[in-house]
Amino acid sequence: MQTFSKNERLTGKKSFEELVEKGNFLNSFPLHIKWLGVERAGKTQVAFAVPKRIFKRAVDRNKLKRRMRESYRLNKKILEHVLDNEKTKLAILFVYTSKTAESYAKIETAVVNSLNKILKKLNPV
């Protein structure tokens, strides 16, 4: 069973600042992804953001964050198989950048593509 537990959520001001300042980025429409390999125990930590400036209503922002969370939860195994053996864990921030609310299928495709791109950058073979 795949879950998205509390210890998998990226929290804390220091963690976000470090990720934004030092993190690598990539784009996979409709998402902008910041990620950083950090040495820490535990699991890969993830955060999701939808700008208030683009989506004024909280209902819309929350719906998009739910779609991103669910697509990550179902596809996080892409990274887990590789990262289980290493000491490096990832901090990832998914930022929704489209001006319109995209379907779940498009968001899931973007999440899968971005996880694969991160994997290729971590293990260039």
Protein backbone atom coordinates (compact mmCIF):
# COMPACT_ATOMS: atom_id res chain seq x y z
CA MET A 1 0.00 0.00 0.00
CA GLN A 2 1.36 3.39 -0.94
CA THR A 3 1.03 6.16 1.58
CA PHE A 4 2.13 9.73 1.96
CA SER A 5 2.92 10.03 5.64
CA LYS A 6 3.76 13.09 7.71
CA ASN A 7 7.50 12.37 7.75
CA GLU A 8 7.51 12.54 3.94
CA ARG A 9 6.32 16.16 3.94
CA LEU A 10 8.92 18.89 3.61
CA THR A 11 8.44 21.28 6.50
CA GLY A 12 10.53 23.87 8.28
CA LYS A 13 11.77 27.25 7.20
CA LYS A 14 15.43 26.17 7.01
CA SER A 15 14.63 23.25 4.73
CA PHE A 16 12.69 25.47 2.31
CA GLU A 17 15.34 28.20 2.29
CA GLU A 18 18.11 25.69 1.59
CA LEU A 19 16.08 24.09 -1.18
CA VAL A 20 15.24 27.40 -2.86
CA GLU A 21 18.81 28.77 -2.61
CA LYS A 22 20.86 25.69 -3.49
CA GLY A 23 18.39 23.45 -5.31
CA ASN A 24 18.42 22.34 -8.92
CA PHE A 25 15.35 23.01 -11.03
CA LEU A 26 13.56 21.58 -14.00
CA ASN A 27 10.31 22.23 -15.81
CA SER A 28 7.70 19.73 -16.82
CA PHE A 29 4.56 21.59 -17.84
CA PRO A 30 2.46 22.49 -15.82
CA LEU A 31 4.99 22.09 -12.99
CA HIS A 32 8.22 23.76 -11.96
CA ILE A 33 10.29 21.44 -9.79
CA LYS A 34 13.06 22.39 -7.34
CA TRP A 35 15.05 19.48 -5.93
CA LEU A 36 18.12 19.02 -3.79
CA GLY A 37 20.03 15.96 -2.64
CA VAL A 38 20.66 16.20 1.10
CA GLU A 39 22.40 13.89 3.54
CA ARG A 40 19.87 12.98 6.17
CA ALA A 41 18.18 9.96 7.61
CA GLY A 42 14.61 9.20 6.74
CA LYS A 43 12.66 9.42 3.54
CA THR A 44 12.59 11.76 0.60
CA GLN A 45 10.61 14.84 1.60
CA VAL A 46 8.22 16.64 -0.73
CA ALA A 47 6.20 19.87 -0.72
CA PHE A 48 3.54 21.15 -3.10
CA ALA A 49 2.68 24.77 -3.89
CA VAL A 50 0.10 26.60 -5.98
CA PRO A 51 0.54 30.38 -6.18
CA LYS A 52 -2.24 32.50 -4.73
CA ARG A 53 -1.50 35.11 -7.36
CA ILE A 54 -2.65 32.73 -10.12
CA PHE A 55 -5.51 30.92 -8.33
CA LYS A 56 -7.30 33.33 -6.00
CA ARG A 57 -9.74 30.82 -4.54
CA ALA A 58 -8.42 28.38 -1.93
CA VAL A 59 -10.71 25.67 -3.29
CA ASP A 60 -8.88 25.73 -6.62
CA ARG A 61 -5.42 25.76 -5.00
CA ASN A 62 -6.30 22.86 -2.73
CA LYS A 63 -7.73 20.81 -5.60
CA LEU A 64 -4.50 21.20 -7.59
CA LYS A 65 -2.35 20.34 -4.56
CA ARG A 66 -4.46 17.21 -3.97
CA ARG A 67 -3.92 16.17 -7.58
CA MET A 68 -0.15 16.70 -7.30
CA ARG A 69 0.04 14.83 -3.97
CA GLU A 70 -1.92 11.88 -5.28
CA SER A 71 0.12 11.59 -8.47
CA TYR A 72 3.35 11.73 -6.41
CA ARG A 73 2.03 9.16 -3.92
CA LEU A 74 1.21 6.68 -6.67
CA ASN A 75 4.51 7.17 -8.53
CA LYS A 76 7.10 7.75 -5.79
CA LYS A 77 8.34 4.18 -6.23
CA ILE A 78 10.28 5.46 -9.26
CA LEU A 79 12.77 7.14 -6.91
CA GLU A 80 12.50 4.84 -3.90
CA HIS A 81 14.03 1.82 -5.61
CA VAL A 82 17.22 3.74 -6.36
CA LEU A 83 17.44 5.87 -3.21
CA ASP A 84 16.87 3.04 -0.72
CA ASN A 85 20.50 1.93 -1.00
CA GLU A 86 22.03 5.40 -0.82
CA LYS A 87 22.47 7.73 2.15
CA THR A 88 21.39 10.75 0.12
CA LYS A 89 17.75 11.70 0.33
CA LEU A 90 15.91 14.25 -1.74
CA ALA A 91 14.00 17.39 -0.89
CA ILE A 92 11.56 18.20 -3.70
CA LEU A 93 9.24 21.15 -4.22
CA PHE A 94 6.52 20.94 -6.90
CA VAL A 95 5.19 24.37 -7.92
CA TYR A 96 2.16 24.56 -10.19
CA THR A 97 2.78 27.18 -12.88
CA SER A 98 -0.06 26.93 -15.41
CA LYS A 99 -2.67 29.68 -15.50
CA THR A 100 -5.47 27.14 -15.94
CA ALA A 101 -6.40 24.07 -13.91
CA GLU A 102 -5.10 21.06 -15.84
CA SER A 103 -6.57 17.57 -15.64
CA TYR A 104 -5.25 14.94 -13.27
CA ALA A 105 -3.81 12.97 -16.21
CA LYS A 106 -1.64 15.92 -17.33
CA ILE A 107 -0.44 16.55 -13.79
CA GLU A 108 0.40 12.87 -13.30
CA THR A 109 2.33 12.78 -16.57
CA ALA A 110 4.32 15.85 -15.49
CA VAL A 111 5.11 14.33 -12.08
CA VAL A 112 6.27 11.04 -13.63
CA ASN A 113 8.40 12.87 -16.22
CA SER A 114 10.00 15.05 -13.55
CA LEU A 115 10.78 12.08 -11.27
CA ASN A 116 12.40 10.30 -14.22
CA LYS A 117 14.45 13.41 -15.06
CA ILE A 118 15.62 13.69 -11.44
CA LEU A 119 16.57 10.02 -11.50
CA LYS A 120 18.61 10.49 -14.69
CA LYS A 121 20.47 13.45 -13.18
CA LEU A 122 21.24 11.48 -10.02
CA ASN A 123 22.46 8.39 -11.88
CA PRO A 124 23.78 9.36 -15.31
CA VAL A 125 24.37 6.02 -17.04
